Amino acid sequence: MRLEDAIRQFLEHCEIEKNQSKRTLISYAHYLERFLGFANNIGLEKIDQELIKKYRLFLNRYEFRPRESLSVKTQNYHIIALRAFLKFCAKKDWATLAPEKVDLAKIPERTVEFMTREELERLFRRADDGKLIGLRNRAILELLYSTGLRISELTALNRQHVDLERGEFAIRGKG
């Protein structure tokens, strides 16, 4: 089986059987097209740890703009997509590298910083300038802060999702 055909079947599987989101499909397609471009549509049996090592070096040295390379986190997204693809290949009993043989790069733990109460109050005051748009901005900030919603979840919120009588709204979040 050629790499290009296997990737197409994997993306169709993700769309139909796994019912993954359009955003996930777009991301997988992007990451796997980069691997396909690197590997030149080889046969699946030619994917080995040496090829993966060379691909990781390629990703680490890749510049998408002059002097701007991919972060380790973004490189890991490429590898996560590749591992999901290899897992699919294993389920199909296609001879290729086992997904568990592909490790992710270690990412340093990030520290979480919290705003002080004064910083938060100053942010809310600045948003509310006494005009209608200021009230809207303040409401957006209050909602994000008090609920933990993601911005994408808030922008996807429609009137039919809001129940004013019960003081509730329904959100379909990530996953």
Protein backbone atom coordinates (compact mmCIF):
# COMPACT_ATOMS: atom_id res chain seq x y z
CA MET A 1 0.00 0.00 0.00
CA ARG A 2 1.27 3.44 -0.92
CA LEU A 3 1.39 6.18 1.71
CA GLU A 4 -0.92 8.57 -0.18
CA ASP A 5 -3.69 5.95 -0.52
CA ALA A 6 -3.39 4.93 3.13
CA ILE A 7 -3.60 8.55 4.30
CA ARG A 8 -6.73 9.10 2.19
CA GLN A 9 -8.34 5.99 3.71
CA PHE A 10 -7.34 7.12 7.22
CA LEU A 11 -8.89 10.57 6.75
CA GLU A 12 -12.10 8.99 5.39
CA HIS A 13 -12.14 6.68 8.42
CA CYS A 14 -11.73 9.67 10.77
CA GLU A 15 -14.58 11.47 9.01
CA ILE A 16 -17.06 8.60 8.72
CA GLU A 17 -16.39 5.97 11.40
CA LYS A 18 -14.87 8.18 14.08
CA ASN A 19 -17.04 11.22 13.27
CA GLN A 20 -14.18 13.57 14.14
CA SER A 21 -14.62 17.31 13.86
CA LYS A 22 -13.85 19.20 10.66
CA ARG A 23 -11.05 21.00 12.48
CA THR A 24 -9.43 17.67 13.47
CA LEU A 25 -9.72 16.42 9.89
CA ILE A 26 -8.13 19.60 8.55
CA SER A 27 -5.30 19.33 11.07
CA TYR A 28 -4.66 15.64 10.39
CA ALA A 29 -4.69 16.28 6.64
CA HIS A 30 -2.22 19.15 7.02
CA TYR A 31 0.20 17.22 9.23
CA LEU A 32 0.04 14.04 7.15
CA GLU A 33 0.44 15.94 3.87
CA ARG A 34 3.67 17.35 5.29
CA PHE A 35 4.80 13.80 6.11
CA LEU A 36 3.77 12.62 2.65
CA GLY A 37 5.78 15.43 1.07
CA PHE A 38 8.77 14.45 3.18
CA ALA A 39 8.50 10.70 2.57
CA ASN A 40 7.62 10.92 -1.17
CA ASN A 41 4.66 8.50 -1.26
CA ILE A 42 6.68 5.47 -0.23
CA GLY A 43 5.19 2.09 0.56
CA LEU A 44 3.97 1.73 4.14
CA GLU A 45 6.48 -1.05 4.78
CA LYS A 46 9.30 1.47 4.30
CA ILE A 47 8.20 3.56 7.31
CA ASP A 48 10.71 2.72 10.01
CA GLN A 49 12.32 4.36 13.01
CA GLU A 50 15.15 5.76 10.89
CA LEU A 51 12.64 7.53 8.61
CA ILE A 52 10.79 8.90 11.65
CA LYS A 53 14.08 10.18 13.10
CA LYS A 54 14.86 11.98 9.82
CA TYR A 55 11.31 13.38 9.72
CA ARG A 56 11.65 14.71 13.26
CA LEU A 57 14.92 16.40 12.29
CA PHE A 58 13.13 17.84 9.26
CA LEU A 59 10.35 19.21 11.48
CA ASN A 60 12.85 20.60 13.98
CA ARG A 61 14.72 22.45 11.23
CA TYR A 62 11.65 23.45 9.22
CA GLU A 63 11.17 27.21 8.79
CA PHE A 64 7.66 28.27 7.79
CA ARG A 65 8.85 31.89 7.65
CA PRO A 66 12.41 33.21 7.63
CA ARG A 67 13.91 32.48 11.06
CA GLU A 68 10.61 31.10 12.38
CA SER A 69 10.59 27.40 13.09
CA LEU A 70 7.98 25.02 14.47
CA SER A 71 7.65 24.91 18.24
CA VAL A 72 8.20 21.59 20.00
CA LYS A 73 4.47 21.52 20.74
CA THR A 74 3.62 21.93 17.04
CA GLN A 75 6.16 19.27 16.12
CA ASN A 76 4.39 16.96 18.57
CA TYR A 77 1.05 17.66 16.85
CA HIS A 78 2.62 16.35 13.64
CA ILE A 79 3.81 13.22 15.45
CA ILE A 80 0.44 12.70 17.18
CA ALA A 81 -1.28 12.73 13.78
CA LEU A 82 1.33 10.32 12.43
CA ARG A 83 0.83 7.97 15.39
CA ALA A 84 -2.96 8.04 14.92
CA PHE A 85 -2.36 7.16 11.26
CA LEU A 86 0.01 4.32 12.17
CA LYS A 87 -2.54 3.01 14.69
CA PHE A 88 -5.12 2.94 11.89
CA CYS A 89 -2.65 1.06 9.67
CA ALA A 90 -2.07 -1.50 12.44
CA LYS A 91 -5.84 -2.03 12.78
CA LYS A 92 -5.96 -2.72 9.05
CA ASP A 93 -3.05 -5.18 9.42
CA TRP A 94 -0.95 -3.19 6.97
CA ALA A 95 2.77 -3.81 7.44
CA THR A 96 4.34 -0.64 8.81
CA LEU A 97 5.97 0.77 11.95
CA ALA A 98 4.07 0.18 15.20
CA PRO A 99 2.66 3.47 16.58
CA GLU A 100 4.00 2.82 20.08
CA LYS A 101 7.53 2.97 18.70
CA VAL A 102 7.08 6.67 17.92
CA ASP A 103 7.67 8.84 20.98
CA LEU A 104 6.69 12.45 21.50
CA ALA A 105 9.25 15.08 22.36
CA LYS A 106 9.40 16.12 25.97
CA ILE A 107 7.81 19.52 26.52
CA PRO A 108 8.80 21.54 29.56
CA GLU A 109 5.91 22.07 31.94
CA ARG A 110 4.48 25.51 31.67
CA THR A 111 3.72 27.55 34.71
CA VAL A 112 0.26 28.90 35.20
CA GLU A 113 0.05 32.53 36.19
CA PHE A 114 -3.04 33.99 37.78
CA MET A 115 -4.26 37.55 37.66
CA THR A 116 -4.52 39.33 40.95
CA ARG A 117 -7.92 40.55 42.10
CA GLU A 118 -6.86 44.14 41.34
CA GLU A 119 -5.75 43.22 37.79
CA LEU A 120 -9.05 41.46 37.19
CA GLU A 121 -11.12 44.37 38.49
CA ARG A 122 -9.08 46.80 36.35
CA LEU A 123 -9.69 44.61 33.26
CA PHE A 124 -13.44 44.53 33.88
CA ARG A 125 -13.57 48.30 34.45
CA ARG A 126 -11.68 49.02 31.23
CA ALA A 127 -14.06 46.82 29.23
CA ASP A 128 -17.14 48.63 30.51
CA ASP A 129 -16.97 52.19 29.16
CA GLY A 130 -20.63 52.92 29.94
CA LYS A 131 -21.72 52.39 26.33
CA LEU A 132 -23.69 49.42 25.02
CA ILE A 133 -20.61 47.82 23.45
CA GLY A 134 -18.76 48.23 26.73
CA LEU A 135 -21.53 46.40 28.57
CA ARG A 136 -21.32 43.63 25.99
CA ASN A 137 -17.55 43.40 26.42
CA ARG A 138 -17.88 43.27 30.19
CA ALA A 139 -20.53 40.53 29.89
CA ILE A 140 -18.20 38.51 27.63
CA LEU A 141 -15.33 38.79 30.10
CA GLU A 142 -17.55 37.94 33.08
CA LEU A 143 -18.93 34.90 31.25
CA LEU A 144 -15.49 33.63 30.25
CA TYR A 145 -14.13 34.18 33.75
CA SER A 146 -17.04 32.71 35.69
CA THR A 147 -17.69 29.65 33.52
CA GLY A 148 -14.29 28.63 32.17
CA LEU A 149 -15.65 28.58 28.62
CA ARG A 150 -13.20 28.56 25.74
CA ILE A 151 -13.48 31.52 23.38
CA SER A 152 -14.43 29.15 20.55
CA GLU A 153 -17.25 27.76 22.70
CA LEU A 154 -18.52 31.25 23.45
CA THR A 155 -18.47 32.28 19.78
CA ALA A 156 -20.41 29.12 18.90
CA LEU A 157 -23.12 29.96 21.47
CA ASN A 158 -26.45 30.84 19.83
CA ARG A 159 -29.71 32.19 21.24
CA GLN A 160 -31.40 28.79 21.00
CA HIS A 161 -28.74 27.43 23.39
CA VAL A 162 -29.74 29.92 26.10
CA ASP A 163 -32.62 29.26 28.51
CA LEU A 164 -33.29 32.56 30.28
CA GLU A 165 -36.08 31.10 32.45
CA ARG A 166 -33.77 28.50 33.99
CA GLY A 167 -30.68 30.72 33.82
CA GLU A 168 -28.79 28.08 31.85
CA PHE A 169 -27.14 27.60 28.50
CA ALA A 170 -25.99 24.49 26.69
CA ILE A 171 -22.53 24.29 25.22
CA ARG A 172 -21.00 21.61 23.10
CA GLY A 173 -17.33 21.82 23.91
CA LYS A 174 -14.17 20.13 22.79
CA GLY A 175 -14.58 16.39 22.74
